[in-house]
Amino acid sequence: MKRQKRDRFQRAYVHGYKAGVTGRSRDDCPSQDVNLREYWMSGWREGRGDQWSGMTGVSGIHKNPMVMT
């Protein structure tokens, strides 16, 4: 069975979300590409919002960014 590669933009979003939830700075975005950076920042903003709302650890397990479409 072949494995399908995930979309680059979704991967950027997920990595940004994880960075936001863990409290990393938005300056840590690894991409210089404008489009990828935009998706990374969107994920980072949502992750920071979830961190501020207390959705970290077990309380935020239902909001897994890998499942989001």
PDB file of N, CA and C in Angstrom:
ATOM      1  N   MET A   1       0.840  -1.170   0.000  1.00  0.00           N
ATOM      2  CA  MET A   1       0.000   0.000   0.000  1.00  0.00           C
ATOM      3  C   MET A   1       0.893   1.244   0.000  1.00  0.00           C
ATOM      4  N   LYS A   2       0.617   2.156  -0.911  1.00  0.00           N
ATOM      5  CA  LYS A   2       1.395   3.385  -0.999  1.00  0.00           C
ATOM      6  C   LYS A   2       0.923   4.379   0.050  1.00  0.00           C
ATOM      7  N   ARG A   3       1.862   5.101   0.573  1.00  0.00           N
ATOM      8  CA  ARG A   3       1.522   6.148   1.525  1.00  0.00           C
ATOM      9  C   ARG A   3       1.511   7.479   0.802  1.00  0.00           C
ATOM     10  N   GLN A   4       0.469   8.208   0.998  1.00  0.00           N
ATOM     11  CA  GLN A   4       0.344   9.496   0.345  1.00  0.00           C
ATOM     12  C   GLN A   4       1.027  10.565   1.182  1.00  0.00           C
ATOM     13  N   LYS A   5       1.802  11.410   0.528  1.00  0.00           N
ATOM     14  CA  LYS A   5       2.448  12.497   1.255  1.00  0.00           C
ATOM     15  C   LYS A   5       1.410  13.512   1.695  1.00  0.00           C
ATOM     16  N   ARG A   6       1.610  14.025   2.872  1.00  0.00           N
ATOM     17  CA  ARG A   6       0.710  15.072   3.338  1.00  0.00           C
ATOM     18  C   ARG A   6       1.052  16.379   2.636  1.00  0.00           C
ATOM     19  N   ASP A   7       0.097  17.231   2.584  1.00  0.00           N
ATOM     20  CA  ASP A   7       0.251  18.538   1.966  1.00  0.00           C
ATOM     21  C   ASP A   7       1.287  19.354   2.740  1.00  0.00           C
ATOM     22  N   ARG A   8       2.156  20.057   2.030  1.00  0.00           N
ATOM     23  CA  ARG A   8       3.189  20.880   2.681  1.00  0.00           C
ATOM     24  C   ARG A   8       2.573  21.959   3.555  1.00  0.00           C
ATOM     25  N   PHE A   9       1.456  22.502   3.095  1.00  0.00           N
ATOM     26  CA  PHE A   9       0.818  23.575   3.855  1.00  0.00           C
ATOM     27  C   PHE A   9       0.203  23.051   5.152  1.00  0.00           C
ATOM     28  N   GLN A  10      -0.368  21.856   5.101  1.00  0.00           N
ATOM     29  CA  GLN A  10      -0.924  21.273   6.320  1.00  0.00           C
ATOM     30  C   GLN A  10       0.198  20.940   7.307  1.00  0.00           C
ATOM     31  N   ARG A  11       1.311  20.445   6.791  1.00  0.00           N
ATOM     32  CA  ARG A  11       2.450  20.159   7.670  1.00  0.00           C
ATOM     33  C   ARG A  11       2.955  21.436   8.331  1.00  0.00           C
ATOM     34  N   ALA A  12       3.024  22.532   7.564  1.00  0.00           N
ATOM     35  CA  ALA A  12       3.468  23.809   8.128  1.00  0.00           C
ATOM     36  C   ALA A  12       2.506  24.267   9.220  1.00  0.00           C
ATOM     37  N   TYR A  13       1.202  24.112   8.983  1.00  0.00           N
ATOM     38  CA  TYR A  13       0.195  24.494   9.969  1.00  0.00           C
ATOM     39  C   TYR A  13       0.363  23.678  11.255  1.00  0.00           C
ATOM     40  N   VAL A  14       0.528  22.369  11.100  1.00  0.00           N
ATOM     41  CA  VAL A  14       0.664  21.489  12.265  1.00  0.00           C
ATOM     42  C   VAL A  14       1.925  21.831  13.057  1.00  0.00           C
ATOM     43  N   HIS A  15       3.028  22.071  12.370  1.00  0.00           N
ATOM     44  CA  HIS A  15       4.257  22.430  13.082  1.00  0.00           C
ATOM     45  C   HIS A  15       4.117  23.785  13.784  1.00  0.00           C
ATOM     46  N   GLY A  16       3.428  24.716  13.145  1.00  0.00           N
ATOM     47  CA  GLY A  16       3.178  26.005  13.785  1.00  0.00           C
ATOM     48  C   GLY A  16       2.285  25.863  15.004  1.00  0.00           C
ATOM     49  N   TYR A  17       1.263  25.000  14.887  1.00  0.00           N
ATOM     50  CA  TYR A  17       0.364  24.771  16.019  1.00  0.00           C
ATOM     51  C   TYR A  17       1.138  24.194  17.209  1.00  0.00           C
ATOM     52  N   LYS A  18       1.965  23.211  16.933  1.00  0.00           N
ATOM     53  CA  LYS A  18       2.756  22.598  18.009  1.00  0.00           C
ATOM     54  C   LYS A  18       3.691  23.617  18.649  1.00  0.00           C
ATOM     55  N   ALA A  19       4.276  24.491  17.833  1.00  0.00           N
ATOM     56  CA  ALA A  19       5.161  25.521  18.378  1.00  0.00           C
ATOM     57  C   ALA A  19       4.372  26.499  19.251  1.00  0.00           C
ATOM     58  N   GLY A  20       3.173  26.841  18.824  1.00  0.00           N
ATOM     59  CA  GLY A  20       2.347  27.768  19.606  1.00  0.00           C
ATOM     60  C   GLY A  20       1.901  27.184  20.921  1.00  0.00           C
ATOM     61  N   VAL A  21       1.498  25.922  20.916  1.00  0.00           N
ATOM     62  CA  VAL A  21       1.027  25.269  22.136  1.00  0.00           C
ATOM     63  C   VAL A  21       2.158  25.125  23.152  1.00  0.00           C
ATOM     64  N   THR A  22       3.371  24.894  22.662  1.00  0.00           N
ATOM     65  CA  THR A  22       4.495  24.726  23.584  1.00  0.00           C
ATOM     66  C   THR A  22       5.082  26.061  24.035  1.00  0.00           C
ATOM     67  N   GLY A  23       4.570  27.174  23.481  1.00  0.00           N
ATOM     68  CA  GLY A  23       5.006  28.481  23.949  1.00  0.00           C
ATOM     69  C   GLY A  23       6.214  29.037  23.226  1.00  0.00           C
ATOM     70  N   ARG A  24       6.576  28.461  22.094  1.00  0.00           N
ATOM     71  CA  ARG A  24       7.727  28.980  21.349  1.00  0.00           C
ATOM     72  C   ARG A  24       7.379  30.305  20.686  1.00  0.00           C
ATOM     73  N   SER A  25       8.390  31.075  20.376  1.00  0.00           N
ATOM     74  CA  SER A  25       8.212  32.385  19.768  1.00  0.00           C
ATOM     75  C   SER A  25       7.807  32.253  18.301  1.00  0.00           C
ATOM     76  N   ARG A  26       7.085  33.238  17.801  1.00  0.00           N
ATOM     77  CA  ARG A  26       6.702  33.211  16.392  1.00  0.00           C
ATOM     78  C   ARG A  26       7.898  33.453  15.484  1.00  0.00           C
ATOM     79  N   ASP A  27       8.990  33.939  16.043  1.00  0.00           N
ATOM     80  CA  ASP A  27      10.213  34.137  15.266  1.00  0.00           C
ATOM     81  C   ASP A  27      10.912  32.818  14.939  1.00  0.00           C
ATOM     82  N   ASP A  28      10.424  31.724  15.505  1.00  0.00           N
ATOM     83  CA  ASP A  28      11.021  30.408  15.268  1.00  0.00           C
ATOM     84  C   ASP A  28      10.531  29.758  13.980  1.00  0.00           C
ATOM     85  N   CYS A  29       9.755  30.458  13.190  1.00  0.00           N
ATOM     86  CA  CYS A  29       9.237  29.893  11.941  1.00  0.00           C
ATOM     87  C   CYS A  29      10.415  29.539  11.034  1.00  0.00           C
ATOM     88  N   PRO A  30      10.509  28.274  10.613  1.00  0.00           N
ATOM     89  CA  PRO A  30      11.672  27.840   9.838  1.00  0.00           C
ATOM     90  C   PRO A  30      11.609  28.228   8.361  1.00  0.00           C
ATOM     91  N   SER A  31      10.468  28.583   7.856  1.00  0.00           N
ATOM     92  CA  SER A  31      10.314  28.793   6.418  1.00  0.00           C
ATOM     93  C   SER A  31      10.468  30.260   6.038  1.00  0.00           C
ATOM     94  N   GLN A  32      11.096  30.486   4.888  1.00  0.00           N
ATOM     95  CA  GLN A  32      11.191  31.829   4.330  1.00  0.00           C
ATOM     96  C   GLN A  32      10.171  32.019   3.213  1.00  0.00           C
ATOM     97  N   ASP A  33       9.557  30.916   2.768  1.00  0.00           N
ATOM     98  CA  ASP A  33       8.523  30.987   1.739  1.00  0.00           C
ATOM     99  C   ASP A  33       7.286  31.663   2.327  1.00  0.00           C
ATOM    100  N   VAL A  34       6.772  32.669   1.643  1.00  0.00           N
ATOM    101  CA  VAL A  34       5.664  33.472   2.167  1.00  0.00           C
ATOM    102  C   VAL A  34       4.422  32.608   2.413  1.00  0.00           C
ATOM    103  N   ASN A  35       4.091  31.722   1.484  1.00  0.00           N
ATOM    104  CA  ASN A  35       2.886  30.912   1.629  1.00  0.00           C
ATOM    105  C   ASN A  35       3.003  29.922   2.782  1.00  0.00           C
ATOM    106  N   LEU A  36       4.143  29.241   2.894  1.00  0.00           N
ATOM    107  CA  LEU A  36       4.333  28.303   4.006  1.00  0.00           C
ATOM    108  C   LEU A  36       4.363  29.038   5.340  1.00  0.00           C
ATOM    109  N   ARG A  37       4.992  30.203   5.344  1.00  0.00           N
ATOM    110  CA  ARG A  37       5.057  30.992   6.580  1.00  0.00           C
ATOM    111  C   ARG A  37       3.656  31.412   7.034  1.00  0.00           C
ATOM    112  N   GLU A  38       2.795  31.736   6.076  1.00  0.00           N
ATOM    113  CA  GLU A  38       1.424  32.126   6.407  1.00  0.00           C
ATOM    114  C   GLU A  38       0.674  30.985   7.098  1.00  0.00           C
ATOM    115  N   TYR A  39       0.828  29.764   6.582  1.00  0.00           N
ATOM    116  CA  TYR A  39       0.172  28.612   7.200  1.00  0.00           C
ATOM    117  C   TYR A  39       0.786  28.316   8.567  1.00  0.00           C
ATOM    118  N   TRP A  40       2.106  28.438   8.673  1.00  0.00           N
ATOM    119  CA  TRP A  40       2.777  28.190   9.956  1.00  0.00           C
ATOM    120  C   TRP A  40       2.276  29.185  11.000  1.00  0.00           C
ATOM    121  N   MET A  41       2.171  30.458  10.604  1.00  0.00           N
ATOM    122  CA  MET A  41       1.710  31.488  11.537  1.00  0.00           C
ATOM    123  C   MET A  41       0.250  31.276  11.933  1.00  0.00           C
ATOM    124  N   SER A  42      -0.570  30.800  11.003  1.00  0.00           N
ATOM    125  CA  SER A  42      -1.974  30.509  11.342  1.00  0.00           C
ATOM    126  C   SER A  42      -2.040  29.420  12.404  1.00  0.00           C
ATOM    127  N   GLY A  43      -1.252  28.373  12.226  1.00  0.00           N
ATOM    128  CA  GLY A  43      -1.194  27.307  13.220  1.00  0.00           C
ATOM    129  C   GLY A  43      -0.645  27.805  14.542  1.00  0.00           C
ATOM    130  N   TRP A  44       0.377  28.659  14.469  1.00  0.00           N
ATOM    131  CA  TRP A  44       0.995  29.187  15.683  1.00  0.00           C
ATOM    132  C   TRP A  44      -0.022  30.015  16.471  1.00  0.00           C
ATOM    133  N   ARG A  45      -0.795  30.869  15.763  1.00  0.00           N
ATOM    134  CA  ARG A  45      -1.800  31.697  16.449  1.00  0.00           C
ATOM    135  C   ARG A  45      -2.848  30.842  17.139  1.00  0.00           C
ATOM    136  N   GLU A  46      -3.314  29.810  16.444  1.00  0.00           N
ATOM    137  CA  GLU A  46      -4.321  28.940  17.060  1.00  0.00           C
ATOM    138  C   GLU A  46      -3.726  28.181  18.240  1.00  0.00           C
ATOM    139  N   GLY A  47      -2.488  27.741  18.102  1.00  0.00           N
ATOM    140  CA  GLY A  47      -1.821  27.037  19.196  1.00  0.00           C
ATOM    141  C   GLY A  47      -1.627  27.922  20.413  1.00  0.00           C
ATOM    142  N   ARG A  48      -1.243  29.182  20.184  1.00  0.00           N
ATOM    143  CA  ARG A  48      -1.082  30.112  21.309  1.00  0.00           C
ATOM    144  C   ARG A  48      -2.426  30.374  21.986  1.00  0.00           C
ATOM    145  N   GLY A  49      -3.460  30.528  21.175  1.00  0.00           N
ATOM    146  CA  GLY A  49      -4.798  30.733  21.747  1.00  0.00           C
ATOM    147  C   GLY A  49      -5.229  29.559  22.599  1.00  0.00           C
ATOM    148  N   ASP A  50      -4.933  28.351  22.137  1.00  0.00           N
ATOM    149  CA  ASP A  50      -5.275  27.164  22.914  1.00  0.00           C
ATOM    150  C   ASP A  50      -4.441  27.079  24.185  1.00  0.00           C
ATOM    151  N   GLN A  51      -3.178  27.498  24.105  1.00  0.00           N
ATOM    152  CA  GLN A  51      -2.342  27.486  25.305  1.00  0.00           C
ATOM    153  C   GLN A  51      -2.896  28.472  26.329  1.00  0.00           C
ATOM    154  N   TRP A  52      -3.282  29.646  25.880  1.00  0.00           N
ATOM    155  CA  TRP A  52      -3.829  30.657  26.793  1.00  0.00           C
ATOM    156  C   TRP A  52      -5.164  30.222  27.372  1.00  0.00           C
ATOM    157  N   SER A  53      -5.902  29.409  26.630  1.00  0.00           N
ATOM    158  CA  SER A  53      -7.191  28.909  27.109  1.00  0.00           C
ATOM    159  C   SER A  53      -7.039  27.708  28.043  1.00  0.00           C
ATOM    160  N   GLY A  54      -5.815  27.237  28.198  1.00  0.00           N
ATOM    161  CA  GLY A  54      -5.572  26.105  29.086  1.00  0.00           C
ATOM    162  C   GLY A  54      -5.754  24.759  28.419  1.00  0.00           C
ATOM    163  N   MET A  55      -5.740  24.721  27.104  1.00  0.00           N
ATOM    164  CA  MET A  55      -5.911  23.450  26.400  1.00  0.00           C
ATOM    165  C   MET A  55      -4.562  22.798  26.106  1.00  0.00           C
ATOM    166  N   THR A  56      -3.781  22.590  27.120  1.00  0.00           N
ATOM    167  CA  THR A  56      -2.512  21.898  26.953  1.00  0.00           C
ATOM    168  C   THR A  56      -2.559  20.595  27.727  1.00  0.00           C
ATOM    169  N   GLY A  57      -1.715  19.687  27.350  1.00  0.00           N
ATOM    170  CA  GLY A  57      -1.683  18.397  28.037  1.00  0.00           C
ATOM    171  C   GLY A  57      -2.930  17.590  27.780  1.00  0.00           C
ATOM    172  N   VAL A  58      -3.458  16.977  28.813  1.00  0.00           N
ATOM    173  CA  VAL A  58      -4.615  16.099  28.688  1.00  0.00           C
ATOM    174  C   VAL A  58      -5.877  16.877  28.332  1.00  0.00           C
ATOM    175  N   SER A  59      -6.011  18.101  28.797  1.00  0.00           N
ATOM    176  CA  SER A  59      -7.227  18.859  28.511  1.00  0.00           C
ATOM    177  C   SER A  59      -7.338  19.258  27.041  1.00  0.00           C
ATOM    178  N   GLY A  60      -6.230  19.263  26.313  1.00  0.00           N
ATOM    179  CA  GLY A  60      -6.277  19.628  24.903  1.00  0.00           C
ATOM    180  C   GLY A  60      -6.085  18.470  23.957  1.00  0.00           C
ATOM    181  N   ILE A  61      -6.152  17.253  24.483  1.00  0.00           N
ATOM    182  CA  ILE A  61      -5.876  16.083  23.649  1.00  0.00           C
ATOM    183  C   ILE A  61      -6.923  15.886  22.552  1.00  0.00           C
ATOM    184  N   HIS A  62      -8.141  16.352  22.782  1.00  0.00           N
ATOM    185  CA  HIS A  62      -9.189  16.204  21.777  1.00  0.00           C
ATOM    186  C   HIS A  62      -8.965  17.134  20.587  1.00  0.00           C
ATOM    187  N   LYS A  63      -8.104  18.114  20.736  1.00  0.00           N
ATOM    188  CA  LYS A  63      -7.851  19.065  19.658  1.00  0.00           C
ATOM    189  C   LYS A  63      -6.498  18.763  19.028  1.00  0.00           C
ATOM    190  N   ASN A  64      -6.388  17.619  18.417  1.00  0.00           N
ATOM    191  CA  ASN A  64      -5.162  17.191  17.785  1.00  0.00           C
ATOM    192  C   ASN A  64      -5.096  17.795  16.386  1.00  0.00           C
ATOM    193  N   PRO A  65      -4.065  18.596  16.080  1.00  0.00           N
ATOM    194  CA  PRO A  65      -4.004  19.235  14.771  1.00  0.00           C
ATOM    195  C   PRO A  65      -3.778  18.266  13.617  1.00  0.00           C
ATOM    196  N   MET A  66      -3.302  17.071  13.888  1.00  0.00           N
ATOM    197  CA  MET A  66      -3.089  16.086  12.833  1.00  0.00           C
ATOM    198  C   MET A  66      -4.410  15.587  12.270  1.00  0.00           C
ATOM    199  N   VAL A  67      -5.471  15.629  13.055  1.00  0.00           N
ATOM    200  CA  VAL A  67      -6.769  15.139  12.627  1.00  0.00           C
ATOM    201  C   VAL A  67      -7.545  16.215  11.893  1.00  0.00           C
ATOM    202  N   MET A  68      -7.201  17.479  12.160  1.00  0.00           N
ATOM    203  CA  MET A  68      -7.931  18.593  11.558  1.00  0.00           C
ATOM    204  C   MET A  68      -7.744  18.601  10.047  1.00  0.00           C
ATOM    205  N   THR A  69      -8.773  19.002   9.335  1.00  0.00           N
ATOM    206  CA  THR A  69      -8.667  19.085   7.886  1.00  0.00           C
ATOM    207  C   THR A  69      -8.736  20.507   7.420  1.00  0.00           C
TER     208      THR A  69
END
